[in-house]
Amino acid sequence: MRNPADVYDKIVYWSDEDNCFIGMCPELFYGGVHGDDAVEVFKELCEVVDEWFEIFKEDGKPLPEPKRAFLEVV
């Protein structure tokens, strides 16, 4: 079964200012996930997005519409 969170963009990028990788999901939150390894940051980002889904569900709030700005994983 597909995870509903999969339709949201998850972005991991290197920040020279912070000297680490930053992970974000623009529809749900900016920043907040960071580390030295891009793969580990992405894994943690996916976990945080799942947690946000639970928060929205518990609070009875509708999820934001996914924008799907990025269509390819590079």
C-alpha atoms as a PDB file:
ATOM      1  CA  MET A   1       0.000   0.000   0.000  1.00  0.00           C
ATOM      2  CA  ARG A   2       1.299   3.432  -0.948  1.00  0.00           C
ATOM      3  CA  ASN A   3       2.054   5.949   1.779  1.00  0.00           C
ATOM      4  CA  PRO A   4      -0.150   9.073   1.345  1.00  0.00           C
ATOM      5  CA  ALA A   5       2.863  11.222   2.267  1.00  0.00           C
ATOM      6  CA  ASP A   6       4.589  10.132  -0.951  1.00  0.00           C
ATOM      7  CA  VAL A   7       2.702  12.765  -2.970  1.00  0.00           C
ATOM      8  CA  TYR A   8       4.405  15.617  -1.087  1.00  0.00           C
ATOM      9  CA  ASP A   9       7.746  17.008  -2.254  1.00  0.00           C
ATOM     10  CA  LYS A  10      10.638  16.264   0.052  1.00  0.00           C
ATOM     11  CA  ILE A  11      13.756  18.323  -0.580  1.00  0.00           C
ATOM     12  CA  VAL A  12      17.253  17.751   0.779  1.00  0.00           C
ATOM     13  CA  TYR A  13      19.935  20.306  -0.081  1.00  0.00           C
ATOM     14  CA  TRP A  14      23.378  21.355   1.096  1.00  0.00           C
ATOM     15  CA  SER A  15      23.532  24.633   3.046  1.00  0.00           C
ATOM     16  CA  ASP A  16      26.901  26.395   2.989  1.00  0.00           C
ATOM     17  CA  GLU A  17      25.625  28.741   5.685  1.00  0.00           C
ATOM     18  CA  ASP A  18      24.767  25.884   8.060  1.00  0.00           C
ATOM     19  CA  ASN A  19      27.494  23.545   6.774  1.00  0.00           C
ATOM     20  CA  CYS A  20      25.085  20.610   6.622  1.00  0.00           C
ATOM     21  CA  PHE A  21      22.257  19.079   4.608  1.00  0.00           C
ATOM     22  CA  ILE A  22      18.795  20.546   5.253  1.00  0.00           C
ATOM     23  CA  GLY A  23      15.570  18.632   4.686  1.00  0.00           C
ATOM     24  CA  MET A  24      12.167  20.202   4.160  1.00  0.00           C
ATOM     25  CA  CYS A  25       8.676  19.498   2.890  1.00  0.00           C
ATOM     26  CA  PRO A  26       7.442  22.912   1.661  1.00  0.00           C
ATOM     27  CA  GLU A  27       3.737  22.096   1.946  1.00  0.00           C
ATOM     28  CA  LEU A  28       4.131  21.118   5.604  1.00  0.00           C
ATOM     29  CA  PHE A  29       7.252  22.810   7.011  1.00  0.00           C
ATOM     30  CA  TYR A  30      10.579  24.425   6.092  1.00  0.00           C
ATOM     31  CA  GLY A  31      13.863  23.209   7.552  1.00  0.00           C
ATOM     32  CA  GLY A  32      13.949  21.435  10.856  1.00  0.00           C
ATOM     33  CA  VAL A  33      15.740  18.314   9.625  1.00  0.00           C
ATOM     34  CA  HIS A  34      19.494  18.533   9.179  1.00  0.00           C
ATOM     35  CA  GLY A  35      22.652  16.444   9.238  1.00  0.00           C
ATOM     36  CA  ASP A  36      25.928  15.485   7.580  1.00  0.00           C
ATOM     37  CA  ASP A  37      24.581  12.668   5.386  1.00  0.00           C
ATOM     38  CA  ALA A  38      21.986  13.430   2.679  1.00  0.00           C
ATOM     39  CA  VAL A  39      20.515   9.915   2.758  1.00  0.00           C
ATOM     40  CA  GLU A  40      20.073   9.971   6.533  1.00  0.00           C
ATOM     41  CA  VAL A  41      18.508  13.438   6.358  1.00  0.00           C
ATOM     42  CA  PHE A  42      16.047  12.158   3.742  1.00  0.00           C
ATOM     43  CA  LYS A  43      15.117   9.156   5.912  1.00  0.00           C
ATOM     44  CA  GLU A  44      14.545  11.412   8.916  1.00  0.00           C
ATOM     45  CA  LEU A  45      12.582  13.842   6.732  1.00  0.00           C
ATOM     46  CA  CYS A  46      10.225  11.042   5.671  1.00  0.00           C
ATOM     47  CA  GLU A  47       9.663  10.127   9.326  1.00  0.00           C
ATOM     48  CA  VAL A  48       8.915  13.752  10.233  1.00  0.00           C
ATOM     49  CA  VAL A  49       6.440  14.073   7.348  1.00  0.00           C
ATOM     50  CA  ASP A  50       4.653  10.954   8.611  1.00  0.00           C
ATOM     51  CA  GLU A  51       4.522  12.543  12.083  1.00  0.00           C
ATOM     52  CA  TRP A  52       2.987  15.709  10.589  1.00  0.00           C
ATOM     53  CA  PHE A  53       0.311  13.545   8.963  1.00  0.00           C
ATOM     54  CA  GLU A  54      -0.541  12.119  12.378  1.00  0.00           C
ATOM     55  CA  ILE A  55      -0.710  15.619  13.892  1.00  0.00           C
ATOM     56  CA  PHE A  56      -3.104  16.822  11.182  1.00  0.00           C
ATOM     57  CA  LYS A  57      -5.218  13.687  11.656  1.00  0.00           C
ATOM     58  CA  GLU A  58      -5.333  14.010  15.467  1.00  0.00           C
ATOM     59  CA  ASP A  59      -6.236  17.717  15.221  1.00  0.00           C
ATOM     60  CA  GLY A  60      -8.931  17.013  12.620  1.00  0.00           C
ATOM     61  CA  LYS A  61      -7.320  19.424  10.163  1.00  0.00           C
ATOM     62  CA  PRO A  62      -7.299  18.842   6.404  1.00  0.00           C
ATOM     63  CA  LEU A  63      -3.939  18.218   4.793  1.00  0.00           C
ATOM     64  CA  PRO A  64      -2.600  20.922   2.480  1.00  0.00           C
ATOM     65  CA  GLU A  65      -2.832  20.217  -1.250  1.00  0.00           C
ATOM     66  CA  PRO A  66       0.418  18.745  -2.578  1.00  0.00           C
ATOM     67  CA  LYS A  67       1.995  21.047  -5.152  1.00  0.00           C
ATOM     68  CA  ARG A  68       4.301  18.505  -6.818  1.00  0.00           C
ATOM     69  CA  ALA A  69       6.842  21.094  -7.872  1.00  0.00           C
ATOM     70  CA  PHE A  70       9.550  18.467  -8.301  1.00  0.00           C
ATOM     71  CA  LEU A  71       8.850  15.468 -10.468  1.00  0.00           C
ATOM     72  CA  GLU A  72      12.236  13.765 -10.512  1.00  0.00           C
ATOM     73  CA  VAL A  73      14.624  12.514  -7.843  1.00  0.00           C
ATOM     74  CA  VAL A  74      18.203  13.266  -8.775  1.00  0.00           C
END
